Amino acid sequence: MSFPATILLTSVDISPGAEEEFNRWYNEQHLPQAIQITGPVTKVVIADDDGSIHVTGDPAMSGVSGTADLKWRGLGNGRPPLEVRQDISDGVLTLTKNCLRGTDCGGADIDIRVPPNVAVQASTSNAGIEAYHIAGGVDLSTENAGITANELGSGDAKFHTSNASIDVGFVGAPKEIRADTSNASVTIATDGRTPYFDNVDTSNGETKKDNAQNRYADNVINVSTSNGSVTIR
């Protein structure tokens, strides 16, 4: 018995402007990698590239828990060409994207929950960083993507990116808040009570400072951008 030749076609509706994102998702391979470290952890250091970073402080945590979404192009012979290394020493957890084959091995989107009082140092490129409910201080750096953070505590806070905005909020009062970007806006929401000396350097953008201010204050906000507005409240 013979059967007629058959062609199966499938289609999906993609919203306008989302074609590039859909094509990237469709053409990439994905594999989740568990991140599970028992405590105590006092600091988390993340060294990534071509992958987003999402960190949330959780009072129920004493260690670190989450996933890394490994993503790469090509089949990879069934094995991912990258991993996220997990090293802990003296309470400092270091998560590092590690290429197993070649140097252009893809990226890892890291999403973890941590104790709220840890310090977080995170760097990536071409992808955004988000941090929430972190009291122990943050040092967040990326390129060509935005940084968003909220409910941050009194640990010193540094943010650096380029060609993308920085939008951060605090419930504590760090001694120093530093935000640097280019060609984009910076928005900082303080705790609303603590006076700061606002040191703002921008060009081709509006500056709006509605926070409590005192040029002799011990607490300092340093902001630098170009071609973007600065709002401090």
N, C-alpha and C. Protein backbone atom coordinates (compact mmCIF):
# COMPACT_ATOMS: atom_id res chain seq x y z
N MET A 1 0.85 -1.19 0.00
CA MET A 1 0.00 0.00 0.00
C MET A 1 0.88 1.24 0.00
N SER A 2 0.56 2.18 -0.83
CA SER A 2 1.33 3.41 -0.90
C SER A 2 0.51 4.56 -0.33
N PHE A 3 1.20 5.55 0.16
CA PHE A 3 0.55 6.72 0.75
C PHE A 3 0.99 7.96 -0.01
N PRO A 4 0.08 8.89 -0.17
CA PRO A 4 0.46 10.13 -0.86
C PRO A 4 1.45 10.93 -0.02
N ALA A 5 2.32 11.65 -0.68
CA ALA A 5 3.26 12.51 0.02
C ALA A 5 2.50 13.59 0.79
N THR A 6 3.00 13.91 1.97
CA THR A 6 2.33 14.87 2.83
C THR A 6 3.32 15.93 3.30
N ILE A 7 2.89 17.14 3.27
CA ILE A 7 3.68 18.24 3.81
C ILE A 7 2.92 18.85 4.98
N LEU A 8 3.57 18.92 6.15
CA LEU A 8 2.96 19.48 7.34
C LEU A 8 3.50 20.89 7.57
N LEU A 9 2.61 21.84 7.61
CA LEU A 9 2.99 23.22 7.84
C LEU A 9 2.42 23.69 9.17
N THR A 10 3.21 24.43 9.91
CA THR A 10 2.73 25.04 11.15
C THR A 10 3.00 26.54 11.09
N SER A 11 2.21 27.29 11.81
CA SER A 11 2.41 28.73 11.85
C SER A 11 2.03 29.25 13.22
N VAL A 12 2.61 30.38 13.58
CA VAL A 12 2.28 31.05 14.83
C VAL A 12 2.15 32.53 14.55
N ASP A 13 1.36 33.18 15.36
CA ASP A 13 1.19 34.63 15.24
C ASP A 13 2.19 35.33 16.16
N ILE A 14 3.01 36.20 15.59
CA ILE A 14 4.01 36.95 16.35
C ILE A 14 3.61 38.41 16.35
N SER A 15 3.58 39.00 17.54
CA SER A 15 3.22 40.41 17.63
C SER A 15 4.26 41.27 16.94
N PRO A 16 3.87 42.40 16.41
CA PRO A 16 4.82 43.29 15.73
C PRO A 16 5.98 43.67 16.64
N GLY A 17 7.18 43.62 16.11
CA GLY A 17 8.35 43.99 16.89
C GLY A 17 8.96 42.87 17.69
N ALA A 18 8.30 41.70 17.70
CA ALA A 18 8.79 40.58 18.52
C ALA A 18 9.45 39.49 17.69
N GLU A 19 9.62 39.75 16.38
CA GLU A 19 10.17 38.70 15.51
C GLU A 19 11.58 38.30 15.93
N GLU A 20 12.42 39.30 16.25
CA GLU A 20 13.81 38.98 16.60
C GLU A 20 13.88 38.13 17.86
N GLU A 21 13.07 38.49 18.86
CA GLU A 21 13.05 37.71 20.11
C GLU A 21 12.56 36.30 19.86
N PHE A 22 11.51 36.14 19.04
CA PHE A 22 10.98 34.81 18.75
C PHE A 22 12.01 33.98 17.99
N ASN A 23 12.66 34.57 17.00
CA ASN A 23 13.66 33.82 16.22
C ASN A 23 14.81 33.36 17.10
N ARG A 24 15.21 34.22 18.05
CA ARG A 24 16.29 33.84 18.94
C ARG A 24 15.86 32.63 19.79
N TRP A 25 14.64 32.70 20.36
CA TRP A 25 14.14 31.59 21.17
C TRP A 25 14.01 30.32 20.35
N TYR A 26 13.51 30.42 19.13
CA TYR A 26 13.25 29.24 18.30
C TYR A 26 14.55 28.56 17.87
N ASN A 27 15.57 29.36 17.58
CA ASN A 27 16.81 28.79 17.06
C ASN A 27 17.78 28.34 18.15
N GLU A 28 17.52 28.71 19.39
CA GLU A 28 18.43 28.37 20.47
C GLU A 28 18.03 27.06 21.15
N GLN A 29 19.03 26.35 21.65
CA GLN A 29 18.83 25.21 22.52
C GLN A 29 18.81 25.71 23.97
N HIS A 30 18.00 25.08 24.80
CA HIS A 30 17.90 25.48 26.20
C HIS A 30 18.01 24.25 27.11
N LEU A 31 18.71 24.42 28.21
CA LEU A 31 18.80 23.35 29.21
C LEU A 31 18.94 23.99 30.59
N PRO A 32 18.04 23.68 31.53
CA PRO A 32 18.18 24.25 32.87
C PRO A 32 19.26 23.54 33.68
N GLN A 33 20.01 24.33 34.43
CA GLN A 33 21.00 23.79 35.36
C GLN A 33 20.64 24.28 36.75
N ALA A 34 20.53 23.35 37.69
CA ALA A 34 20.17 23.72 39.06
C ALA A 34 21.32 24.42 39.77
N ILE A 35 20.97 25.44 40.55
CA ILE A 35 21.91 26.10 41.43
C ILE A 35 21.40 25.89 42.85
N GLN A 36 22.16 25.17 43.64
CA GLN A 36 21.71 24.80 44.98
C GLN A 36 22.90 24.77 45.92
N ILE A 37 23.01 25.76 46.78
CA ILE A 37 24.11 25.85 47.73
C ILE A 37 23.53 26.02 49.13
N THR A 38 23.91 25.12 50.05
CA THR A 38 23.47 25.28 51.42
C THR A 38 24.31 26.35 52.11
N GLY A 39 23.75 26.98 53.14
CA GLY A 39 24.40 28.10 53.79
C GLY A 39 25.55 27.69 54.68
N PRO A 40 26.15 28.68 55.35
CA PRO A 40 25.80 30.10 55.22
C PRO A 40 26.50 30.76 54.03
N VAL A 41 25.82 31.73 53.42
CA VAL A 41 26.38 32.51 52.32
C VAL A 41 26.28 33.99 52.69
N THR A 42 27.40 34.69 52.61
CA THR A 42 27.42 36.12 52.96
C THR A 42 27.56 37.02 51.74
N LYS A 43 28.05 36.47 50.63
CA LYS A 43 28.22 37.26 49.41
C LYS A 43 28.06 36.35 48.21
N VAL A 44 27.45 36.90 47.16
CA VAL A 44 27.30 36.18 45.90
C VAL A 44 27.97 37.00 44.80
N VAL A 45 28.87 36.35 44.06
CA VAL A 45 29.56 36.97 42.93
C VAL A 45 29.15 36.23 41.67
N ILE A 46 28.63 36.96 40.69
CA ILE A 46 28.17 36.35 39.43
C ILE A 46 28.95 36.95 38.29
N ALA A 47 29.62 36.10 37.52
CA ALA A 47 30.37 36.54 36.33
C ALA A 47 29.76 35.85 35.12
N ASP A 48 28.97 36.59 34.37
CA ASP A 48 28.21 36.04 33.25
C ASP A 48 28.46 36.91 32.02
N ASP A 49 28.03 36.46 30.87
CA ASP A 49 27.93 37.32 29.69
C ASP A 49 26.90 36.72 28.75
N ASP A 50 26.25 37.60 28.00
CA ASP A 50 25.18 37.18 27.09
C ASP A 50 24.07 36.44 27.83
N GLY A 51 23.86 36.80 29.08
CA GLY A 51 22.79 36.18 29.85
C GLY A 51 22.28 37.13 30.91
N SER A 52 20.99 37.07 31.19
CA SER A 52 20.39 37.95 32.18
C SER A 52 20.64 37.42 33.59
N ILE A 53 20.54 38.32 34.57
CA ILE A 53 20.74 37.97 35.97
C ILE A 53 19.57 38.51 36.78
N HIS A 54 18.98 37.64 37.59
CA HIS A 54 17.84 38.00 38.43
C HIS A 54 18.11 37.46 39.83
N VAL A 55 18.21 38.36 40.81
CA VAL A 55 18.52 37.98 42.19
C VAL A 55 17.45 38.53 43.11
N THR A 56 16.89 37.68 43.97
CA THR A 56 15.84 38.08 44.90
C THR A 56 16.23 37.66 46.31
N GLY A 57 16.18 38.60 47.24
CA GLY A 57 16.39 38.28 48.63
C GLY A 57 15.16 37.63 49.23
N ASP A 58 15.36 36.52 49.94
CA ASP A 58 14.26 35.75 50.51
C ASP A 58 14.60 35.42 51.96
N PRO A 59 13.82 35.93 52.93
CA PRO A 59 14.14 35.69 54.35
C PRO A 59 14.16 34.20 54.72
N ALA A 60 13.53 33.37 53.93
CA ALA A 60 13.50 31.94 54.25
C ALA A 60 14.79 31.23 53.85
N MET A 61 15.68 31.93 53.13
CA MET A 61 16.89 31.30 52.61
C MET A 61 18.07 31.51 53.55
N SER A 62 18.88 30.44 53.72
CA SER A 62 20.18 30.58 54.37
C SER A 62 21.30 30.31 53.35
N GLY A 63 20.96 29.56 52.32
CA GLY A 63 21.86 29.33 51.21
C GLY A 63 21.33 30.00 49.95
N VAL A 64 21.64 29.42 48.81
CA VAL A 64 21.24 29.98 47.52
C VAL A 64 20.56 28.90 46.70
N SER A 65 19.45 29.25 46.07
CA SER A 65 18.71 28.28 45.27
C SER A 65 18.20 28.95 44.01
N GLY A 66 18.23 28.22 42.89
CA GLY A 66 17.70 28.75 41.65
C GLY A 66 18.12 27.92 40.46
N THR A 67 18.09 28.54 39.30
CA THR A 67 18.44 27.85 38.06
C THR A 67 19.25 28.77 37.16
N ALA A 68 20.00 28.14 36.29
CA ALA A 68 20.64 28.82 35.17
C ALA A 68 20.09 28.21 33.90
N ASP A 69 19.47 29.03 33.07
CA ASP A 69 18.95 28.56 31.79
C ASP A 69 20.08 28.65 30.77
N LEU A 70 20.72 27.52 30.50
CA LEU A 70 21.79 27.48 29.52
C LEU A 70 21.20 27.55 28.13
N LYS A 71 21.75 28.39 27.27
CA LYS A 71 21.18 28.56 25.93
C LYS A 71 22.33 28.68 24.93
N TRP A 72 22.17 28.00 23.81
CA TRP A 72 23.21 28.01 22.79
C TRP A 72 22.59 27.67 21.45
N ARG A 73 23.30 27.97 20.39
CA ARG A 73 22.85 27.65 19.04
C ARG A 73 23.48 26.36 18.58
N GLY A 74 22.72 25.58 17.80
CA GLY A 74 23.22 24.30 17.31
C GLY A 74 22.85 23.18 18.26
N LEU A 75 23.02 21.96 17.79
CA LEU A 75 22.60 20.79 18.56
C LEU A 75 23.56 20.47 19.70
N GLY A 76 24.85 20.73 19.50
CA GLY A 76 25.81 20.46 20.56
C GLY A 76 25.98 19.00 20.88
N ASN A 77 25.63 18.09 19.92
CA ASN A 77 25.76 16.66 20.15
C ASN A 77 25.04 16.20 21.41
N GLY A 78 23.95 16.89 21.73
CA GLY A 78 23.17 16.51 22.90
C GLY A 78 23.71 17.04 24.20
N ARG A 79 24.86 17.67 24.17
CA ARG A 79 25.47 18.19 25.39
C ARG A 79 25.67 19.70 25.26
N PRO A 80 25.34 20.46 26.29
CA PRO A 80 25.53 21.91 26.20
C PRO A 80 27.00 22.26 26.15
N PRO A 81 27.37 23.29 25.40
CA PRO A 81 28.78 23.69 25.31
C PRO A 81 29.21 24.62 26.45
N LEU A 82 28.35 24.78 27.46
CA LEU A 82 28.67 25.67 28.57
C LEU A 82 28.06 25.15 29.85
N GLU A 83 28.51 25.72 30.95
CA GLU A 83 27.97 25.41 32.27
C GLU A 83 28.12 26.64 33.14
N VAL A 84 27.47 26.64 34.29
CA VAL A 84 27.69 27.66 35.30
C VAL A 84 28.40 26.98 36.48
N ARG A 85 29.64 27.35 36.69
CA ARG A 85 30.41 26.80 37.80
C ARG A 85 29.94 27.41 39.11
N GLN A 86 29.91 26.59 40.17
CA GLN A 86 29.45 27.03 41.48
C GLN A 86 30.56 26.72 42.49
N ASP A 87 31.21 27.77 42.95
CA ASP A 87 32.32 27.62 43.90
C ASP A 87 32.02 28.44 45.14
N ILE A 88 32.19 27.84 46.32
CA ILE A 88 31.97 28.57 47.56
C ILE A 88 33.20 28.46 48.45
N SER A 89 33.60 29.58 49.03
CA SER A 89 34.77 29.63 49.91
C SER A 89 34.56 30.74 50.93
N ASP A 90 34.65 30.40 52.20
CA ASP A 90 34.50 31.37 53.30
C ASP A 90 33.21 32.17 53.18
N GLY A 91 32.13 31.51 52.79
CA GLY A 91 30.83 32.16 52.71
C GLY A 91 30.58 32.93 51.44
N VAL A 92 31.55 32.97 50.52
CA VAL A 92 31.39 33.68 49.25
C VAL A 92 31.11 32.67 48.14
N LEU A 93 29.94 32.79 47.54
CA LEU A 93 29.55 31.93 46.42
C LEU A 93 29.86 32.65 45.12
N THR A 94 30.61 31.98 44.25
CA THR A 94 30.93 32.53 42.93
C THR A 94 30.29 31.67 41.85
N LEU A 95 29.47 32.31 41.03
CA LEU A 95 28.83 31.65 39.89
C LEU A 95 29.47 32.20 38.63
N THR A 96 30.07 31.32 37.83
CA THR A 96 30.81 31.75 36.65
C THR A 96 30.38 30.97 35.42
N LYS A 97 30.00 31.69 34.37
CA LYS A 97 29.75 31.01 33.10
C LYS A 97 31.06 30.47 32.55
N ASN A 98 31.06 29.19 32.20
CA ASN A 98 32.27 28.52 31.76
C ASN A 98 32.01 27.82 30.44
N CYS A 99 32.77 28.19 29.40
CA CYS A 99 32.64 27.54 28.10
C CYS A 99 33.39 26.21 28.12
N LEU A 100 32.70 25.15 27.75
CA LEU A 100 33.30 23.82 27.69
C LEU A 100 33.90 23.53 26.33
N ARG A 101 33.36 24.19 25.30
CA ARG A 101 33.88 24.02 23.94
C ARG A 101 33.88 25.37 23.24
N GLY A 102 35.06 25.82 22.83
CA GLY A 102 35.15 27.09 22.14
C GLY A 102 34.95 28.26 23.08
N THR A 103 34.88 29.45 22.51
CA THR A 103 34.70 30.66 23.30
C THR A 103 33.33 31.31 23.08
N ASP A 104 32.73 31.09 21.92
CA ASP A 104 31.39 31.62 21.63
C ASP A 104 30.39 30.50 21.90
N CYS A 105 30.17 30.24 23.19
CA CYS A 105 29.43 29.03 23.58
C CYS A 105 27.99 29.29 23.97
N GLY A 106 27.55 30.54 23.95
CA GLY A 106 26.18 30.84 24.34
C GLY A 106 26.14 31.63 25.64
N GLY A 107 24.99 31.60 26.28
CA GLY A 107 24.80 32.38 27.50
C GLY A 107 24.02 31.61 28.53
N ALA A 108 23.92 32.18 29.71
CA ALA A 108 23.17 31.56 30.80
C ALA A 108 22.33 32.62 31.50
N ASP A 109 21.01 32.45 31.50
CA ASP A 109 20.12 33.33 32.25
C ASP A 109 20.03 32.80 33.67
N ILE A 110 20.53 33.57 34.63
CA ILE A 110 20.64 33.11 36.02
C ILE A 110 19.53 33.75 36.85
N ASP A 111 18.79 32.91 37.58
CA ASP A 111 17.69 33.37 38.43
C ASP A 111 17.83 32.66 39.78
N ILE A 112 18.17 33.43 40.83
CA ILE A 112 18.43 32.81 42.12
C ILE A 112 17.73 33.57 43.25
N ARG A 113 17.50 32.83 44.34
CA ARG A 113 17.03 33.41 45.60
C ARG A 113 18.16 33.30 46.62
N VAL A 114 18.35 34.37 47.39
CA VAL A 114 19.47 34.45 48.32
C VAL A 114 18.97 34.99 49.66
N PRO A 115 19.77 34.85 50.74
CA PRO A 115 19.42 35.54 51.98
C PRO A 115 19.44 37.05 51.78
N PRO A 116 18.51 37.79 52.36
CA PRO A 116 18.44 39.24 52.08
C PRO A 116 19.68 40.01 52.49
N ASN A 117 20.41 39.55 53.50
CA ASN A 117 21.54 40.33 54.01
C ASN A 117 22.84 40.08 53.27
N VAL A 118 22.83 39.28 52.22
CA VAL A 118 24.06 39.05 51.46
C VAL A 118 24.41 40.29 50.64
N ALA A 119 25.69 40.39 50.27
CA ALA A 119 26.11 41.36 49.28
C ALA A 119 26.10 40.67 47.91
N VAL A 120 25.75 41.42 46.88
CA VAL A 120 25.65 40.85 45.53
C VAL A 120 26.53 41.65 44.58
N GLN A 121 27.44 40.97 43.93
CA GLN A 121 28.27 41.55 42.88
C GLN A 121 28.00 40.77 41.60
N ALA A 122 27.48 41.44 40.58
CA ALA A 122 27.06 40.73 39.37
C ALA A 122 27.48 41.51 38.13
N SER A 123 28.01 40.78 37.14
CA SER A 123 28.37 41.41 35.88
C SER A 123 27.95 40.51 34.73
N THR A 124 27.50 41.15 33.65
CA THR A 124 27.13 40.43 32.44
C THR A 124 27.26 41.41 31.28
N SER A 125 26.78 41.01 30.11
CA SER A 125 26.78 41.91 28.96
C SER A 125 25.62 41.54 28.04
N ASN A 126 25.11 42.55 27.36
CA ASN A 126 24.04 42.35 26.38
C ASN A 126 22.80 41.70 26.98
N ALA A 127 22.61 41.89 28.28
CA ALA A 127 21.42 41.37 28.95
C ALA A 127 21.23 42.14 30.25
N GLY A 128 20.00 42.18 30.73
CA GLY A 128 19.67 42.99 31.88
C GLY A 128 19.98 42.33 33.20
N ILE A 129 20.00 43.17 34.25
CA ILE A 129 20.18 42.70 35.62
C ILE A 129 19.03 43.23 36.46
N GLU A 130 18.46 42.34 37.29
CA GLU A 130 17.42 42.73 38.24
C GLU A 130 17.81 42.23 39.62
N ALA A 131 17.57 43.06 40.63
CA ALA A 131 17.86 42.67 42.01
C ALA A 131 16.77 43.26 42.92
N TYR A 132 16.27 42.43 43.84
CA TYR A 132 15.17 42.85 44.71
C TYR A 132 15.41 42.37 46.14
N HIS A 133 15.08 43.22 47.10
CA HIS A 133 15.11 42.86 48.52
C HIS A 133 16.51 42.44 48.98
N ILE A 134 17.52 43.18 48.55
CA ILE A 134 18.90 42.92 48.95
C ILE A 134 19.36 44.02 49.90
N ALA A 135 19.81 43.64 51.10
CA ALA A 135 20.20 44.63 52.11
C ALA A 135 21.70 44.77 52.23
N GLY A 136 22.46 43.79 51.76
CA GLY A 136 23.88 43.75 52.02
C GLY A 136 24.75 44.51 51.05
N GLY A 137 24.18 45.27 50.15
CA GLY A 137 24.96 46.02 49.18
C GLY A 137 24.99 45.34 47.83
N VAL A 138 25.04 46.15 46.77
CA VAL A 138 25.04 45.61 45.42
C VAL A 138 26.07 46.34 44.56
N ASP A 139 26.66 45.59 43.64
CA ASP A 139 27.57 46.13 42.63
C ASP A 139 27.19 45.44 41.32
N LEU A 140 26.41 46.13 40.49
CA LEU A 140 25.81 45.52 39.31
C LEU A 140 26.33 46.21 38.05
N SER A 141 26.80 45.41 37.09
CA SER A 141 27.40 45.98 35.88
C SER A 141 27.01 45.16 34.66
N THR A 142 26.59 45.87 33.61
CA THR A 142 26.28 45.22 32.34
C THR A 142 26.56 46.21 31.22
N GLU A 143 26.32 45.80 29.98
CA GLU A 143 26.47 46.66 28.82
C GLU A 143 25.29 46.45 27.89
N ASN A 144 24.80 47.55 27.32
CA ASN A 144 23.74 47.50 26.31
C ASN A 144 22.46 46.87 26.84
N ALA A 145 22.21 47.01 28.12
CA ALA A 145 20.97 46.50 28.71
C ALA A 145 20.73 47.21 30.03
N GLY A 146 19.49 47.19 30.49
CA GLY A 146 19.10 47.96 31.65
C GLY A 146 19.36 47.25 32.97
N ILE A 147 19.34 48.07 34.03
CA ILE A 147 19.45 47.57 35.40
C ILE A 147 18.23 48.05 36.17
N THR A 148 17.56 47.11 36.82
CA THR A 148 16.39 47.41 37.64
C THR A 148 16.59 46.80 39.02
N ALA A 149 16.36 47.58 40.06
CA ALA A 149 16.48 47.07 41.42
C ALA A 149 15.50 47.81 42.31
N ASN A 150 15.02 47.11 43.35
CA ASN A 150 14.05 47.74 44.25
C ASN A 150 14.13 47.09 45.62
N GLU A 151 13.63 47.83 46.61
CA GLU A 151 13.64 47.35 48.00
C GLU A 151 15.07 47.04 48.45
N LEU A 152 16.02 47.86 48.05
CA LEU A 152 17.40 47.66 48.47
C LEU A 152 17.62 48.28 49.84
N GLY A 153 18.59 47.69 50.58
CA GLY A 153 18.85 48.13 51.94
C GLY A 153 19.94 49.18 52.04
N SER A 154 20.70 49.13 53.14
CA SER A 154 21.65 50.19 53.45
C SER A 154 23.08 49.90 53.00
N GLY A 155 23.32 48.77 52.36
CA GLY A 155 24.65 48.51 51.83
C GLY A 155 24.94 49.42 50.65
N ASP A 156 26.21 49.81 50.49
CA ASP A 156 26.57 50.68 49.37
C ASP A 156 26.14 50.06 48.04
N ALA A 157 25.77 50.92 47.09
CA ALA A 157 25.16 50.44 45.85
C ALA A 157 25.83 51.09 44.65
N LYS A 158 26.29 50.25 43.71
CA LYS A 158 26.91 50.74 42.47
C LYS A 158 26.23 50.09 41.28
N PHE A 159 25.97 50.91 40.25
CA PHE A 159 25.31 50.43 39.04
C PHE A 159 26.03 51.01 37.83
N HIS A 160 26.32 50.16 36.87
CA HIS A 160 26.97 50.63 35.65
C HIS A 160 26.40 49.90 34.45
N THR A 161 26.05 50.66 33.42
CA THR A 161 25.66 50.08 32.14
C THR A 161 25.93 51.11 31.05
N SER A 162 25.54 50.79 29.83
CA SER A 162 25.67 51.73 28.72
C SER A 162 24.48 51.54 27.79
N ASN A 163 24.05 52.63 27.19
CA ASN A 163 22.97 52.59 26.21
C ASN A 163 21.69 51.97 26.76
N ALA A 164 21.48 52.11 28.06
CA ALA A 164 20.27 51.57 28.68
C ALA A 164 20.07 52.25 30.03
N SER A 165 18.87 52.18 30.54
CA SER A 165 18.50 52.94 31.73
C SER A 165 18.84 52.19 33.02
N ILE A 166 18.90 52.97 34.09
CA ILE A 166 19.06 52.46 35.44
C ILE A 166 17.87 52.95 36.25
N ASP A 167 17.16 52.03 36.90
CA ASP A 167 15.97 52.38 37.68
C ASP A 167 16.03 51.60 38.99
N VAL A 168 16.32 52.29 40.10
CA VAL A 168 16.56 51.62 41.37
C VAL A 168 15.83 52.31 42.50
N GLY A 169 15.48 51.53 43.54
CA GLY A 169 14.78 52.08 44.69
C GLY A 169 15.30 51.48 45.98
N PHE A 170 15.22 52.26 47.08
CA PHE A 170 15.81 51.87 48.35
C PHE A 170 14.81 51.99 49.49
N VAL A 171 14.92 51.07 50.45
CA VAL A 171 14.23 51.20 51.73
C VAL A 171 15.24 51.50 52.83
N GLY A 172 16.52 51.33 52.54
CA GLY A 172 17.60 51.68 53.45
C GLY A 172 18.32 52.93 52.96
N ALA A 173 19.42 53.27 53.65
CA ALA A 173 20.15 54.51 53.34
C ALA A 173 21.63 54.21 53.17
N PRO A 174 22.05 53.78 51.99
CA PRO A 174 23.48 53.56 51.75
C PRO A 174 24.29 54.84 51.91
N LYS A 175 25.55 54.69 52.34
CA LYS A 175 26.43 55.85 52.41
C LYS A 175 26.71 56.40 51.02
N GLU A 176 26.81 55.49 50.03
CA GLU A 176 27.03 55.94 48.65
C GLU A 176 26.14 55.17 47.69
N ILE A 177 25.50 55.89 46.80
CA ILE A 177 24.78 55.32 45.66
C ILE A 177 25.44 55.89 44.42
N ARG A 178 25.94 55.01 43.55
CA ARG A 178 26.61 55.45 42.32
C ARG A 178 25.92 54.80 41.12
N ALA A 179 25.58 55.62 40.12
CA ALA A 179 24.93 55.11 38.92
C ALA A 179 25.55 55.77 37.70
N ASP A 180 26.06 54.96 36.78
CA ASP A 180 26.70 55.46 35.57
C ASP A 180 26.12 54.77 34.35
N THR A 181 25.73 55.57 33.34
CA THR A 181 25.27 55.00 32.08
C THR A 181 25.53 56.03 30.98
N SER A 182 25.06 55.72 29.79
CA SER A 182 25.16 56.67 28.67
C SER A 182 23.95 56.50 27.78
N ASN A 183 23.54 57.61 27.18
CA ASN A 183 22.43 57.58 26.22
C ASN A 183 21.15 56.99 26.81
N ALA A 184 20.95 57.23 28.12
CA ALA A 184 19.75 56.70 28.76
C ALA A 184 19.53 57.41 30.09
N SER A 185 18.39 57.16 30.68
CA SER A 185 18.00 57.84 31.90
C SER A 185 18.43 57.08 33.15
N VAL A 186 18.47 57.83 34.26
CA VAL A 186 18.73 57.25 35.58
C VAL A 186 17.63 57.71 36.52
N THR A 187 17.02 56.76 37.22
CA THR A 187 15.99 57.07 38.22
C THR A 187 16.37 56.40 39.54
N ILE A 188 16.45 57.20 40.59
CA ILE A 188 16.81 56.69 41.91
C ILE A 188 15.74 57.14 42.91
N ALA A 189 15.16 56.18 43.62
CA ALA A 189 14.20 56.49 44.67
C ALA A 189 14.86 56.17 46.01
N THR A 190 15.13 57.20 46.82
CA THR A 190 15.73 57.00 48.13
C THR A 190 14.66 56.55 49.13
N ASP A 191 15.08 56.39 50.39
CA ASP A 191 14.11 55.99 51.41
C ASP A 191 13.15 57.12 51.77
N GLY A 192 13.39 58.33 51.24
CA GLY A 192 12.48 59.45 51.47
C GLY A 192 12.75 60.22 52.75
N ARG A 193 13.68 59.74 53.58
CA ARG A 193 13.97 60.41 54.85
C ARG A 193 15.41 60.91 54.95
N THR A 194 16.33 60.13 54.43
CA THR A 194 17.75 60.41 54.61
C THR A 194 18.23 61.49 53.65
N PRO A 195 18.86 62.55 54.16
CA PRO A 195 19.39 63.59 53.26
C PRO A 195 20.66 63.11 52.55
N TYR A 196 20.80 63.50 51.29
CA TYR A 196 21.96 63.14 50.47
C TYR A 196 22.55 64.39 49.85
N PHE A 197 23.86 64.32 49.59
CA PHE A 197 24.48 65.28 48.69
C PHE A 197 24.38 64.69 47.29
N ASP A 198 23.62 65.34 46.42
CA ASP A 198 23.40 64.84 45.06
C ASP A 198 24.45 65.42 44.12
N ASN A 199 25.29 64.57 43.60
CA ASN A 199 26.33 64.97 42.66
C ASN A 199 25.97 64.40 41.29
N VAL A 200 25.40 65.23 40.43
CA VAL A 200 24.84 64.77 39.16
C VAL A 200 25.59 65.39 38.00
N ASP A 201 25.99 64.54 37.05
CA ASP A 201 26.68 64.99 35.84
C ASP A 201 25.94 64.42 34.63
N THR A 202 25.29 65.30 33.87
CA THR A 202 24.56 64.84 32.69
C THR A 202 24.65 65.90 31.60
N SER A 203 24.33 65.50 30.39
CA SER A 203 24.26 66.43 29.27
C SER A 203 23.08 66.05 28.42
N ASN A 204 22.45 67.03 27.83
CA ASN A 204 21.31 66.77 26.95
C ASN A 204 20.21 66.00 27.65
N GLY A 205 20.00 66.31 28.92
CA GLY A 205 18.94 65.66 29.65
C GLY A 205 18.48 66.49 30.82
N GLU A 206 17.24 66.31 31.23
CA GLU A 206 16.67 67.05 32.34
C GLU A 206 17.10 66.42 33.66
N THR A 207 17.36 67.25 34.67
CA THR A 207 17.68 66.78 36.01
C THR A 207 16.57 67.21 36.96
N LYS A 208 16.04 66.24 37.70
CA LYS A 208 14.98 66.51 38.66
C LYS A 208 15.35 65.86 39.99
N LYS A 209 15.50 66.69 41.04
CA LYS A 209 15.92 66.19 42.34
C LYS A 209 14.88 66.58 43.39
N ASP A 210 14.08 65.61 43.80
CA ASP A 210 13.02 65.85 44.78
C ASP A 210 13.29 65.15 46.10
N ASN A 211 14.47 64.58 46.26
CA ASN A 211 14.79 63.88 47.51
C ASN A 211 15.24 64.86 48.58
N ALA A 212 15.37 64.37 49.82
CA ALA A 212 15.93 65.18 50.90
C ALA A 212 17.41 65.43 50.59
N GLN A 213 17.83 66.72 50.62
CA GLN A 213 19.19 67.07 50.20
C GLN A 213 19.90 67.90 51.26
N ASN A 214 21.22 67.66 51.35
CA ASN A 214 22.08 68.44 52.23
C ASN A 214 23.49 68.32 51.68
N ARG A 215 24.06 69.43 51.23
CA ARG A 215 25.37 69.37 50.59
C ARG A 215 26.47 68.95 51.55
N TYR A 216 26.19 68.96 52.86
CA TYR A 216 27.17 68.54 53.85
C TYR A 216 26.85 67.14 54.41
N ALA A 217 25.92 66.45 53.78
CA ALA A 217 25.51 65.14 54.27
C ALA A 217 26.63 64.11 54.10
N ASP A 218 26.65 63.13 55.00
CA ASP A 218 27.60 62.03 54.87
C ASP A 218 27.21 61.08 53.74
N ASN A 219 25.94 61.05 53.40
CA ASN A 219 25.46 60.16 52.34
C ASN A 219 25.52 60.88 51.00
N VAL A 220 26.01 60.18 49.97
CA VAL A 220 26.25 60.80 48.66
C VAL A 220 25.60 59.98 47.56
N ILE A 221 25.00 60.69 46.60
CA ILE A 221 24.52 60.07 45.36
C ILE A 221 25.35 60.63 44.22
N ASN A 222 26.05 59.75 43.50
CA ASN A 222 26.84 60.15 42.34
C ASN A 222 26.19 59.56 41.08
N VAL A 223 25.81 60.43 40.16
CA VAL A 223 25.16 60.00 38.93
C VAL A 223 25.87 60.61 37.74
N SER A 224 26.13 59.78 36.73
CA SER A 224 26.73 60.27 35.49
C SER A 224 26.02 59.62 34.31
N THR A 225 25.59 60.46 33.36
CA THR A 225 24.97 59.94 32.15
C THR A 225 25.14 60.99 31.05
N SER A 226 24.72 60.63 29.86
CA SER A 226 24.69 61.58 28.75
C SER A 226 23.45 61.29 27.92
N ASN A 227 22.90 62.34 27.37
CA ASN A 227 21.72 62.17 26.51
C ASN A 227 20.60 61.43 27.23
N GLY A 228 20.45 61.73 28.51
CA GLY A 228 19.38 61.10 29.28
C GLY A 228 19.05 61.92 30.51
N SER A 229 17.85 61.76 31.00
CA SER A 229 17.39 62.49 32.17
C SER A 229 17.83 61.81 33.44
N VAL A 230 17.86 62.58 34.53
CA VAL A 230 18.16 62.04 35.86
C VAL A 230 17.04 62.48 36.80
N THR A 231 16.47 61.50 37.51
CA THR A 231 15.43 61.77 38.50
C THR A 231 15.85 61.14 39.81
N ILE A 232 15.88 61.97 40.86
CA ILE A 232 16.16 61.48 42.21
C ILE A 232 15.02 61.93 43.09
N ARG A 233 14.44 61.00 43.80
CA ARG A 233 13.31 61.36 44.66
C ARG A 233 13.39 60.63 45.99
